[in-house]
Amino acid sequence: MTALLAIDQLQVRYGHIEALKGISMHVDAGEVVALVGANGAGKTTLMRTISGLLKPAAGDLSFAGRSLLHVGADRVVRAGIAQSPEGRRVFGTLSVAENLRLGAYTRPDSELKAGLDQVYSLFPRLKERQKQYAGTMSGGEQQMLAIGRALMARPKLLLLDEPSLGLAPIIVKDIFKALAQIRREGVTILLVEQNVRMALKLADRGYVLEVGRIALEGSAQELLHSPAVQAAYLGGERGAAAH
């Protein structure tokens, strides 16, 4: 099966600093793939490169069989990739509805209502707050809005960068429940997430990134039960078993 997203020996530099040191990985259509690792491992750099916001120094990056190496960020969205970025980055002085409409800028007007209906079904709270300024919403509501805005582009591949960051546990459960529904609706997901256990429970497969390199890869279950992953991210084997 041809991968929806294929990354081969990808290198990305910030000046003389090599942030990604030859990453190779793939995401198949319909999968949820988790990308985990410590701060500074290169996870956000990889997401920004896939989105067309950073240009690689070497390697290849393709989506649906077409290279993205020389494709600008706007054309990446038109190709079928949308990102919900770390830190949410909603437009605080715009309403919820206006933020969502901005997410649909690449889509024909005829698709706007269906997109809004999908987002409001996933996140009823957003429907209740359609006219509210995004900057006055809670962190959890802003995260829902950031995900909803990305979905408005009707992506084939949804990039999620730290969707649980800074949120209360009950809100995190709501977010992951919505992600499971998004997956059931046929959207492929690449997920960067600090909550490794929740990420791997949602995912089919995962990669562990350490200092710009893939240190481990495997099925989500293999990684959940890996002693190295348990020791580094799950508080040890006993802690993992307790959950």
C-alpha atoms as a PDB file:
ATOM      1  CA  MET A   1       0.000   0.000   0.000  1.00  0.00           C
ATOM      2  CA  THR A   2       1.303   3.435  -0.965  1.00  0.00           C
ATOM      3  CA  ALA A   3       1.700   5.737   2.043  1.00  0.00           C
ATOM      4  CA  LEU A   4      -0.445   8.866   2.150  1.00  0.00           C
ATOM      5  CA  LEU A   5       2.496  10.743   3.706  1.00  0.00           C
ATOM      6  CA  ALA A   6       6.020   9.493   3.036  1.00  0.00           C
ATOM      7  CA  ILE A   7       9.143  11.027   4.590  1.00  0.00           C
ATOM      8  CA  ASP A   8      12.584   9.832   3.519  1.00  0.00           C
ATOM      9  CA  GLN A   9      15.867  10.880   5.150  1.00  0.00           C
ATOM     10  CA  LEU A  10      14.504  14.357   5.926  1.00  0.00           C
ATOM     11  CA  GLN A  11      17.002  16.886   7.264  1.00  0.00           C
ATOM     12  CA  VAL A  12      16.061  20.338   8.579  1.00  0.00           C
ATOM     13  CA  ARG A  13      18.485  22.945   9.874  1.00  0.00           C
ATOM     14  CA  TYR A  14      18.237  26.190  11.785  1.00  0.00           C
ATOM     15  CA  GLY A  15      21.437  27.848  10.636  1.00  0.00           C
ATOM     16  CA  HIS A  16      24.215  25.458  11.642  1.00  0.00           C
ATOM     17  CA  ILE A  17      21.984  23.476  13.994  1.00  0.00           C
ATOM     18  CA  GLU A  18      20.596  20.250  12.538  1.00  0.00           C
ATOM     19  CA  ALA A  19      17.111  19.895  14.046  1.00  0.00           C
ATOM     20  CA  LEU A  20      16.103  16.801  12.053  1.00  0.00           C
ATOM     21  CA  LYS A  21      18.882  14.359  11.224  1.00  0.00           C
ATOM     22  CA  GLY A  22      17.557  12.120   8.478  1.00  0.00           C
ATOM     23  CA  ILE A  23      14.002  11.246   9.550  1.00  0.00           C
ATOM     24  CA  SER A  24      12.222   8.459   7.647  1.00  0.00           C
ATOM     25  CA  MET A  25       8.607   7.576   8.438  1.00  0.00           C
ATOM     26  CA  HIS A  26       5.200   7.140   6.825  1.00  0.00           C
ATOM     27  CA  VAL A  27       1.508   7.605   7.529  1.00  0.00           C
ATOM     28  CA  ASP A  28      -1.012   5.436   5.660  1.00  0.00           C
ATOM     29  CA  ALA A  29      -4.541   6.529   4.782  1.00  0.00           C
ATOM     30  CA  GLY A  30      -6.970   6.036   7.668  1.00  0.00           C
ATOM     31  CA  GLU A  31      -4.279   5.694  10.320  1.00  0.00           C
ATOM     32  CA  VAL A  32      -3.641   7.621  13.499  1.00  0.00           C
ATOM     33  CA  VAL A  33       0.123   7.859  13.975  1.00  0.00           C
ATOM     34  CA  ALA A  34       1.557   9.254  17.212  1.00  0.00           C
ATOM     35  CA  LEU A  35       4.855  11.128  17.316  1.00  0.00           C
ATOM     36  CA  VAL A  36       6.232  11.385  20.840  1.00  0.00           C
ATOM     37  CA  GLY A  37       9.417  12.607  22.431  1.00  0.00           C
ATOM     38  CA  ALA A  38      10.861  15.105  24.878  1.00  0.00           C
ATOM     39  CA  ASN A  39      10.836  18.865  24.377  1.00  0.00           C
ATOM     40  CA  GLY A  40      13.405  19.822  21.769  1.00  0.00           C
ATOM     41  CA  ALA A  41      13.333  16.438  20.046  1.00  0.00           C
ATOM     42  CA  GLY A  42      12.211  18.003  16.757  1.00  0.00           C
ATOM     43  CA  LYS A  43       8.491  17.138  16.750  1.00  0.00           C
ATOM     44  CA  THR A  44       7.187  20.639  16.015  1.00  0.00           C
ATOM     45  CA  THR A  45       9.965  21.173  13.467  1.00  0.00           C
ATOM     46  CA  LEU A  46       8.749  18.103  11.607  1.00  0.00           C
ATOM     47  CA  MET A  47       5.123  19.281  11.681  1.00  0.00           C
ATOM     48  CA  ARG A  48       6.074  22.725  10.422  1.00  0.00           C
ATOM     49  CA  THR A  49       8.119  21.170   7.622  1.00  0.00           C
ATOM     50  CA  ILE A  50       5.220  18.974   6.518  1.00  0.00           C
ATOM     51  CA  SER A  51       3.007  22.098   6.547  1.00  0.00           C
ATOM     52  CA  GLY A  52       5.393  23.935   4.231  1.00  0.00           C
ATOM     53  CA  LEU A  53       6.431  26.494   6.839  1.00  0.00           C
ATOM     54  CA  LEU A  54      10.029  25.214   6.944  1.00  0.00           C
ATOM     55  CA  LYS A  55      12.137  24.043   4.012  1.00  0.00           C
ATOM     56  CA  PRO A  56      14.238  20.894   4.406  1.00  0.00           C
ATOM     57  CA  ALA A  57      17.968  20.888   3.752  1.00  0.00           C
ATOM     58  CA  ALA A  58      17.866  17.359   2.332  1.00  0.00           C
ATOM     59  CA  GLY A  59      15.647  14.312   1.949  1.00  0.00           C
ATOM     60  CA  ASP A  60      12.202  13.852   0.464  1.00  0.00           C
ATOM     61  CA  LEU A  61       8.678  14.549   1.601  1.00  0.00           C
ATOM     62  CA  SER A  62       5.654  13.438  -0.422  1.00  0.00           C
ATOM     63  CA  PHE A  63       1.899  13.406   0.007  1.00  0.00           C
ATOM     64  CA  ALA A  64      -0.444  11.217  -2.019  1.00  0.00           C
ATOM     65  CA  GLY A  65       2.481  10.411  -4.303  1.00  0.00           C
ATOM     66  CA  ARG A  66       3.481  14.038  -4.977  1.00  0.00           C
ATOM     67  CA  SER A  67       6.560  15.763  -3.625  1.00  0.00           C
ATOM     68  CA  LEU A  68       6.021  18.651  -1.197  1.00  0.00           C
ATOM     69  CA  LEU A  69       9.626  19.828  -1.266  1.00  0.00           C
ATOM     70  CA  HIS A  70       8.958  22.993  -3.255  1.00  0.00           C
ATOM     71  CA  VAL A  71       5.350  23.568  -2.303  1.00  0.00           C
ATOM     72  CA  GLY A  72       4.282  26.645  -0.295  1.00  0.00           C
ATOM     73  CA  ALA A  73       2.132  26.413   2.822  1.00  0.00           C
ATOM     74  CA  ASP A  74      -1.045  27.518   1.035  1.00  0.00           C
ATOM     75  CA  ARG A  75      -0.658  24.810  -1.601  1.00  0.00           C
ATOM     76  CA  VAL A  76       0.003  22.217   1.113  1.00  0.00           C
ATOM     77  CA  VAL A  77      -3.433  23.046   2.546  1.00  0.00           C
ATOM     78  CA  ARG A  78      -4.999  22.830  -0.915  1.00  0.00           C
ATOM     79  CA  ALA A  79      -3.325  19.434  -1.377  1.00  0.00           C
ATOM     80  CA  GLY A  80      -5.201  18.129   1.672  1.00  0.00           C
ATOM     81  CA  ILE A  81      -3.059  18.758   4.777  1.00  0.00           C
ATOM     82  CA  ALA A  82      -4.218  20.999   7.615  1.00  0.00           C
ATOM     83  CA  GLN A  83      -2.563  21.678  10.974  1.00  0.00           C
ATOM     84  CA  SER A  84      -3.838  22.565  14.408  1.00  0.00           C
ATOM     85  CA  PRO A  85      -0.664  24.195  15.775  1.00  0.00           C
ATOM     86  CA  GLU A  86       0.926  24.045  19.206  1.00  0.00           C
ATOM     87  CA  GLY A  87      -0.415  26.873  21.345  1.00  0.00           C
ATOM     88  CA  ARG A  88      -3.750  26.960  19.445  1.00  0.00           C
ATOM     89  CA  ARG A  89      -3.113  30.367  17.803  1.00  0.00           C
ATOM     90  CA  VAL A  90      -6.729  31.294  17.275  1.00  0.00           C
ATOM     91  CA  PHE A  91      -7.556  34.825  16.138  1.00  0.00           C
ATOM     92  CA  GLY A  92      -8.611  36.337  19.443  1.00  0.00           C
ATOM     93  CA  THR A  93     -10.332  39.438  18.047  1.00  0.00           C
ATOM     94  CA  LEU A  94     -12.493  37.365  15.686  1.00  0.00           C
ATOM     95  CA  SER A  95     -15.570  35.367  16.642  1.00  0.00           C
ATOM     96  CA  VAL A  96     -15.706  31.591  16.743  1.00  0.00           C
ATOM     97  CA  ALA A  97     -17.634  31.507  13.470  1.00  0.00           C
ATOM     98  CA  GLU A  98     -15.175  33.889  11.792  1.00  0.00           C
ATOM     99  CA  ASN A  99     -12.214  31.727  12.873  1.00  0.00           C
ATOM    100  CA  LEU A 100     -13.911  28.673  11.400  1.00  0.00           C
ATOM    101  CA  ARG A 101     -14.685  30.413   8.122  1.00  0.00           C
ATOM    102  CA  LEU A 102     -11.023  31.368   7.811  1.00  0.00           C
ATOM    103  CA  GLY A 103     -10.151  27.684   8.033  1.00  0.00           C
ATOM    104  CA  ALA A 104     -12.295  27.060   4.965  1.00  0.00           C
ATOM    105  CA  TYR A 105     -10.596  29.646   2.752  1.00  0.00           C
ATOM    106  CA  THR A 106      -9.419  26.981   0.286  1.00  0.00           C
ATOM    107  CA  ARG A 107     -12.854  25.395  -0.026  1.00  0.00           C
ATOM    108  CA  PRO A 108     -15.789  26.473  -2.205  1.00  0.00           C
ATOM    109  CA  ASP A 109     -18.591  28.395  -0.477  1.00  0.00           C
ATOM    110  CA  SER A 110     -20.930  25.497  -1.201  1.00  0.00           C
ATOM    111  CA  GLU A 111     -19.014  23.370   1.348  1.00  0.00           C
ATOM    112  CA  LEU A 112     -19.102  25.919   4.190  1.00  0.00           C
ATOM    113  CA  LYS A 113     -22.346  24.785   5.816  1.00  0.00           C
ATOM    114  CA  ALA A 114     -21.369  21.100   5.789  1.00  0.00           C
ATOM    115  CA  GLY A 115     -18.026  21.985   7.344  1.00  0.00           C
ATOM    116  CA  LEU A 116     -19.628  24.061  10.084  1.00  0.00           C
ATOM    117  CA  ASP A 117     -22.176  21.329  10.780  1.00  0.00           C
ATOM    118  CA  GLN A 118     -19.361  18.786  11.184  1.00  0.00           C
ATOM    119  CA  VAL A 119     -17.403  20.991  13.591  1.00  0.00           C
ATOM    120  CA  TYR A 120     -20.459  21.939  15.647  1.00  0.00           C
ATOM    121  CA  SER A 121     -21.441  18.274  15.884  1.00  0.00           C
ATOM    122  CA  LEU A 122     -17.971  17.394  17.201  1.00  0.00           C
ATOM    123  CA  PHE A 123     -17.788  20.409  19.512  1.00  0.00           C
ATOM    124  CA  PRO A 124     -21.288  21.569  20.545  1.00  0.00           C
ATOM    125  CA  ARG A 125     -19.701  24.195  22.800  1.00  0.00           C
ATOM    126  CA  LEU A 126     -18.444  26.019  19.714  1.00  0.00           C
ATOM    127  CA  LYS A 127     -21.960  26.198  18.324  1.00  0.00           C
ATOM    128  CA  GLU A 128     -23.137  27.751  21.581  1.00  0.00           C
ATOM    129  CA  ARG A 129     -20.359  30.353  21.324  1.00  0.00           C
ATOM    130  CA  GLN A 130     -20.463  31.124  17.592  1.00  0.00           C
ATOM    131  CA  LYS A 131     -20.547  34.886  18.141  1.00  0.00           C
ATOM    132  CA  GLN A 132     -18.102  34.999  21.060  1.00  0.00           C
ATOM    133  CA  TYR A 133     -14.636  36.464  20.538  1.00  0.00           C
ATOM    134  CA  ALA A 134     -12.127  33.608  20.493  1.00  0.00           C
ATOM    135  CA  GLY A 135      -9.763  35.496  22.808  1.00  0.00           C
ATOM    136  CA  THR A 136     -12.331  35.439  25.624  1.00  0.00           C
ATOM    137  CA  MET A 137     -12.730  31.651  25.573  1.00  0.00           C
ATOM    138  CA  SER A 138     -11.098  29.117  27.882  1.00  0.00           C
ATOM    139  CA  GLY A 139      -7.981  27.236  26.808  1.00  0.00           C
ATOM    140  CA  GLY A 140     -10.009  24.087  26.171  1.00  0.00           C
ATOM    141  CA  GLU A 141     -12.527  25.927  24.037  1.00  0.00           C
ATOM    142  CA  GLN A 142      -9.723  27.555  22.058  1.00  0.00           C
ATOM    143  CA  GLN A 143      -8.200  24.120  21.447  1.00  0.00           C
ATOM    144  CA  MET A 144     -11.529  22.847  20.152  1.00  0.00           C
ATOM    145  CA  LEU A 145     -11.666  25.892  17.890  1.00  0.00           C
ATOM    146  CA  ALA A 146      -8.128  25.308  16.589  1.00  0.00           C
ATOM    147  CA  ILE A 147      -8.982  21.710  15.693  1.00  0.00           C
ATOM    148  CA  GLY A 148     -12.302  22.787  14.181  1.00  0.00           C
ATOM    149  CA  ARG A 149     -10.606  25.481  12.112  1.00  0.00           C
ATOM    150  CA  ALA A 150      -8.198  22.874  10.682  1.00  0.00           C
ATOM    151  CA  LEU A 151     -11.104  20.549   9.886  1.00  0.00           C
ATOM    152  CA  MET A 152     -12.826  23.310   7.923  1.00  0.00           C
ATOM    153  CA  ALA A 153     -10.177  22.795   5.211  1.00  0.00           C
ATOM    154  CA  ARG A 154     -11.633  19.260   4.778  1.00  0.00           C
ATOM    155  CA  PRO A 155      -8.158  17.697   5.065  1.00  0.00           C
ATOM    156  CA  LYS A 156      -7.141  14.196   4.090  1.00  0.00           C
ATOM    157  CA  LEU A 157      -4.372  14.476   6.714  1.00  0.00           C
ATOM    158  CA  LEU A 158      -4.837  16.359   9.988  1.00  0.00           C
ATOM    159  CA  LEU A 159      -1.684  17.422  11.839  1.00  0.00           C
ATOM    160  CA  LEU A 160      -2.239  17.930  15.569  1.00  0.00           C
ATOM    161  CA  ASP A 161       0.556  19.520  17.597  1.00  0.00           C
ATOM    162  CA  GLU A 162       0.113  19.078  21.380  1.00  0.00           C
ATOM    163  CA  PRO A 163      -3.703  19.254  21.556  1.00  0.00           C
ATOM    164  CA  SER A 164      -3.784  18.518  25.313  1.00  0.00           C
ATOM    165  CA  LEU A 165      -1.106  21.038  26.328  1.00  0.00           C
ATOM    166  CA  GLY A 166      -2.116  23.045  29.396  1.00  0.00           C
ATOM    167  CA  LEU A 167      -5.642  21.639  29.586  1.00  0.00           C
ATOM    168  CA  ALA A 168      -7.533  20.124  32.525  1.00  0.00           C
ATOM    169  CA  PRO A 169      -7.875  16.312  32.434  1.00  0.00           C
ATOM    170  CA  ILE A 170     -11.649  16.405  31.861  1.00  0.00           C
ATOM    171  CA  ILE A 171     -11.161  18.673  28.818  1.00  0.00           C
ATOM    172  CA  VAL A 172      -8.392  16.415  27.507  1.00  0.00           C
ATOM    173  CA  LYS A 173     -10.828  13.479  27.600  1.00  0.00           C
ATOM    174  CA  ASP A 174     -13.328  15.512  25.567  1.00  0.00           C
ATOM    175  CA  ILE A 175     -10.640  16.413  23.015  1.00  0.00           C
ATOM    176  CA  PHE A 176      -9.536  12.799  22.581  1.00  0.00           C
ATOM    177  CA  LYS A 177     -13.135  11.628  22.301  1.00  0.00           C
ATOM    178  CA  ALA A 178     -13.546  14.086  19.420  1.00  0.00           C
ATOM    179  CA  LEU A 179     -10.294  12.871  17.819  1.00  0.00           C
ATOM    180  CA  ALA A 180     -11.596   9.301  17.887  1.00  0.00           C
ATOM    181  CA  GLN A 181     -14.734  10.498  16.097  1.00  0.00           C
ATOM    182  CA  ILE A 182     -12.658  12.401  13.521  1.00  0.00           C
ATOM    183  CA  ARG A 183     -10.745   9.202  12.861  1.00  0.00           C
ATOM    184  CA  ARG A 184     -14.005   7.251  12.418  1.00  0.00           C
ATOM    185  CA  GLU A 185     -15.051   9.824   9.817  1.00  0.00           C
ATOM    186  CA  GLY A 186     -12.048   8.838   7.716  1.00  0.00           C
ATOM    187  CA  VAL A 187      -9.542  11.600   8.437  1.00  0.00           C
ATOM    188  CA  THR A 188      -5.934  10.430   8.756  1.00  0.00           C
ATOM    189  CA  ILE A 189      -4.157  11.935  11.790  1.00  0.00           C
ATOM    190  CA  LEU A 190      -0.520  12.596  12.662  1.00  0.00           C
ATOM    191  CA  LEU A 191      -0.493  13.435  16.363  1.00  0.00           C
ATOM    192  CA  VAL A 192       2.267  15.090  18.393  1.00  0.00           C
ATOM    193  CA  GLU A 193       1.288  14.745  22.027  1.00  0.00           C
ATOM    194  CA  GLN A 194       2.904  15.085  25.463  1.00  0.00           C
ATOM    195  CA  ASN A 195       0.365  12.700  27.012  1.00  0.00           C
ATOM    196  CA  VAL A 196       2.057   9.606  25.631  1.00  0.00           C
ATOM    197  CA  ARG A 197      -0.373   7.094  27.100  1.00  0.00           C
ATOM    198  CA  MET A 198      -3.452   8.775  25.645  1.00  0.00           C
ATOM    199  CA  ALA A 199      -1.730   9.302  22.306  1.00  0.00           C
ATOM    200  CA  LEU A 200      -0.757   5.642  21.979  1.00  0.00           C
ATOM    201  CA  LYS A 201      -4.191   4.457  23.076  1.00  0.00           C
ATOM    202  CA  LEU A 202      -5.702   6.429  20.205  1.00  0.00           C
ATOM    203  CA  ALA A 203      -2.996   5.608  17.643  1.00  0.00           C
ATOM    204  CA  ASP A 204      -2.398   2.614  15.397  1.00  0.00           C
ATOM    205  CA  ARG A 205       1.368   3.145  15.272  1.00  0.00           C
ATOM    206  CA  GLY A 206       3.923   5.483  16.750  1.00  0.00           C
ATOM    207  CA  TYR A 207       7.408   6.906  16.465  1.00  0.00           C
ATOM    208  CA  VAL A 208       9.638   8.092  19.293  1.00  0.00           C
ATOM    209  CA  LEU A 209      11.776  11.061  18.301  1.00  0.00           C
ATOM    210  CA  GLU A 210      14.971  11.813  20.248  1.00  0.00           C
ATOM    211  CA  VAL A 211      17.257  14.722  19.373  1.00  0.00           C
ATOM    212  CA  GLY A 212      16.226  14.835  15.737  1.00  0.00           C
ATOM    213  CA  ARG A 213      16.281  11.090  15.079  1.00  0.00           C
ATOM    214  CA  ILE A 214      13.746   8.241  15.184  1.00  0.00           C
ATOM    215  CA  ALA A 215      14.767   6.219  18.253  1.00  0.00           C
ATOM    216  CA  LEU A 216      11.888   3.725  18.259  1.00  0.00           C
ATOM    217  CA  GLU A 217       8.945   2.833  16.055  1.00  0.00           C
ATOM    218  CA  GLY A 218       6.243   0.210  16.140  1.00  0.00           C
ATOM    219  CA  SER A 219       2.590  -0.486  16.757  1.00  0.00           C
ATOM    220  CA  ALA A 220       0.965   1.586  19.481  1.00  0.00           C
ATOM    221  CA  GLN A 221       0.700  -1.519  21.676  1.00  0.00           C
ATOM    222  CA  GLU A 222       4.369  -2.362  21.180  1.00  0.00           C
ATOM    223  CA  LEU A 223       5.387   1.128  22.225  1.00  0.00           C
ATOM    224  CA  LEU A 224       3.003   1.178  25.207  1.00  0.00           C
ATOM    225  CA  HIS A 225       4.663  -1.975  26.490  1.00  0.00           C
ATOM    226  CA  SER A 226       8.225  -1.011  25.575  1.00  0.00           C
ATOM    227  CA  PRO A 227      10.395  -0.762  28.703  1.00  0.00           C
ATOM    228  CA  ALA A 228      12.227   2.211  27.167  1.00  0.00           C
ATOM    229  CA  VAL A 229       8.981   4.111  26.533  1.00  0.00           C
ATOM    230  CA  GLN A 230       7.615   3.207  29.960  1.00  0.00           C
ATOM    231  CA  ALA A 231      10.770   4.380  31.701  1.00  0.00           C
ATOM    232  CA  ALA A 232      11.066   7.629  29.747  1.00  0.00           C
ATOM    233  CA  TYR A 233       7.422   8.685  29.307  1.00  0.00           C
ATOM    234  CA  LEU A 234       5.046   6.553  31.358  1.00  0.00           C
ATOM    235  CA  GLY A 235       6.606   6.678  34.810  1.00  0.00           C
ATOM    236  CA  GLY A 236       7.918   3.136  34.737  1.00  0.00           C
ATOM    237  CA  GLU A 237       6.273  -0.229  34.153  1.00  0.00           C
ATOM    238  CA  ARG A 238       4.317  -0.283  37.420  1.00  0.00           C
ATOM    239  CA  GLY A 239       2.869   3.163  36.669  1.00  0.00           C
ATOM    240  CA  ALA A 240       1.861   2.073  33.182  1.00  0.00           C
ATOM    241  CA  ALA A 241       0.180  -1.074  34.455  1.00  0.00           C
ATOM    242  CA  ALA A 242      -1.804   0.949  37.020  1.00  0.00           C
ATOM    243  CA  HIS A 243      -3.560   2.781  34.206  1.00  0.00           C
END
